[in-house]
Amino acid sequence: MAWIFLLIAGLCEMAFVVMMKLSEGFKKLNYSIYTVVFMIASFFLLSLALKTIPIGTGYAIWTGIGAVGSVVMGMVLFKEKKSALKLLFIALIIAGVIGLKLTSGL
């Protein structure tokens, strides 16, 4: 269950970053509220996951999901530039997250 909490926490992190962008510096109330809700959910779920997942592994995977998701959402929703190099580095983050998950029990 901890891994599910961690996955959802990472997705909430990605969501709160997107909502923060849409809030335009917390000037738009509805997006500002969504930012805070997703932020609280993300931290709460991370705290549940870290009860059983090692802190280094959990934190790295949480930030990895948020980072990759935020970059991808930036490219899709906000038309941020794509490049082969950017995609390579996204793939490296994903590889690191998978590697940490696979070695978490060692």
Protein backbone atom coordinates (compact mmCIF):
# COMPACT_ATOMS: atom_id res chain seq x y z
CA MET A 1 0.00 0.00 0.00
CA ALA A 2 2.92 2.34 0.71
CA TRP A 3 4.00 2.25 -2.93
CA ILE A 4 0.50 3.23 -4.03
CA PHE A 5 0.55 6.12 -1.55
CA LEU A 6 3.92 7.17 -2.94
CA LEU A 7 2.70 7.05 -6.55
CA ILE A 8 -0.38 9.12 -5.75
CA ALA A 9 1.74 11.55 -3.70
CA GLY A 10 4.00 12.04 -6.72
CA LEU A 11 1.02 12.65 -8.98
CA CYS A 12 -0.34 15.17 -6.48
CA GLU A 13 3.05 16.91 -6.49
CA MET A 14 2.86 17.17 -10.26
CA ALA A 15 -0.71 18.49 -10.00
CA PHE A 16 0.17 21.15 -7.44
CA VAL A 17 3.00 22.46 -9.61
CA VAL A 18 0.66 22.71 -12.63
CA MET A 19 -2.01 24.42 -10.50
CA MET A 20 0.62 26.82 -9.16
CA LYS A 21 1.52 27.78 -12.73
CA LEU A 22 -2.15 28.25 -13.59
CA SER A 23 -2.68 30.40 -10.47
CA GLU A 24 -0.39 33.04 -12.02
CA GLY A 25 1.44 33.82 -8.79
CA PHE A 26 -1.58 33.00 -6.62
CA LYS A 27 -3.64 35.71 -8.32
CA LYS A 28 -6.37 33.28 -9.44
CA LEU A 29 -8.21 32.05 -6.37
CA ASN A 30 -9.57 28.76 -7.72
CA TYR A 31 -6.16 27.55 -8.96
CA SER A 32 -4.56 28.79 -5.73
CA ILE A 33 -6.97 26.65 -3.71
CA TYR A 34 -6.26 23.62 -5.91
CA THR A 35 -2.54 24.23 -5.39
CA VAL A 36 -2.88 24.10 -1.62
CA VAL A 37 -5.19 21.05 -1.69
CA PHE A 38 -2.84 19.05 -3.94
CA MET A 39 0.17 20.17 -1.89
CA ILE A 40 -1.38 19.00 1.38
CA ALA A 41 -2.48 15.72 -0.21
CA SER A 42 1.00 15.17 -1.63
CA PHE A 43 2.78 15.70 1.68
CA PHE A 44 0.23 13.66 3.62
CA LEU A 45 0.48 10.68 1.25
CA LEU A 46 4.28 10.95 1.23
CA SER A 47 4.27 10.82 5.02
CA LEU A 48 2.16 7.65 4.92
CA ALA A 49 4.46 6.05 2.37
CA LEU A 50 7.58 6.88 4.38
CA LYS A 51 6.31 4.82 7.30
CA THR A 52 7.59 1.72 5.49
CA ILE A 53 9.61 2.90 2.47
CA PRO A 54 13.19 4.05 3.18
CA ILE A 55 13.33 7.86 3.31
CA GLY A 56 15.97 8.29 0.60
CA THR A 57 14.16 5.99 -1.80
CA GLY A 58 10.74 7.45 -1.08
CA TYR A 59 11.81 11.05 -1.37
CA ALA A 60 13.79 10.48 -4.56
CA ILE A 61 10.90 8.63 -6.21
CA TRP A 62 8.39 11.28 -5.06
CA THR A 63 10.47 14.11 -6.50
CA GLY A 64 11.22 12.08 -9.63
CA ILE A 65 7.53 11.55 -10.35
CA GLY A 66 6.87 15.22 -9.73
CA ALA A 67 9.80 16.40 -11.81
CA VAL A 68 9.13 14.18 -14.82
CA GLY A 69 5.40 14.83 -14.64
CA SER A 70 5.93 18.58 -14.40
CA VAL A 71 8.27 18.66 -17.38
CA VAL A 72 5.90 16.56 -19.48
CA MET A 73 2.88 18.64 -18.44
CA GLY A 74 4.83 21.80 -19.27
CA MET A 75 5.48 20.52 -22.76
CA VAL A 76 1.88 19.35 -23.26
CA LEU A 77 -0.15 22.08 -21.55
CA PHE A 78 2.11 25.12 -21.78
CA LYS A 79 3.84 24.38 -25.09
CA GLU A 80 7.30 24.40 -23.51
CA LYS A 81 10.10 23.42 -25.85
CA LYS A 82 10.89 19.78 -26.47
CA SER A 83 14.32 18.53 -27.41
CA ALA A 84 16.05 15.20 -27.73
CA LEU A 85 18.37 16.18 -24.88
CA LYS A 86 15.47 17.06 -22.59
CA LEU A 87 13.82 13.72 -23.39
CA LEU A 88 17.10 11.92 -22.67
CA PHE A 89 17.32 13.51 -19.22
CA ILE A 90 13.69 12.64 -18.52
CA ALA A 91 14.52 9.03 -19.42
CA LEU A 92 17.50 9.13 -17.03
CA ILE A 93 15.28 10.32 -14.18
CA ILE A 94 12.80 7.53 -14.94
CA ALA A 95 15.64 5.00 -15.02
CA GLY A 96 16.85 6.26 -11.64
CA VAL A 97 13.38 6.02 -10.13
CA ILE A 98 12.98 2.46 -11.43
CA GLY A 99 16.44 1.55 -10.16
CA LEU A 100 15.64 2.89 -6.69
CA LYS A 101 12.37 0.97 -6.61
CA LEU A 102 14.07 -2.26 -7.69
CA THR A 103 16.83 -1.92 -5.09
CA SER A 104 14.69 -0.64 -2.21
CA GLY A 105 14.58 -4.07 -0.56
CA LEU A 106 18.33 -4.70 -0.74
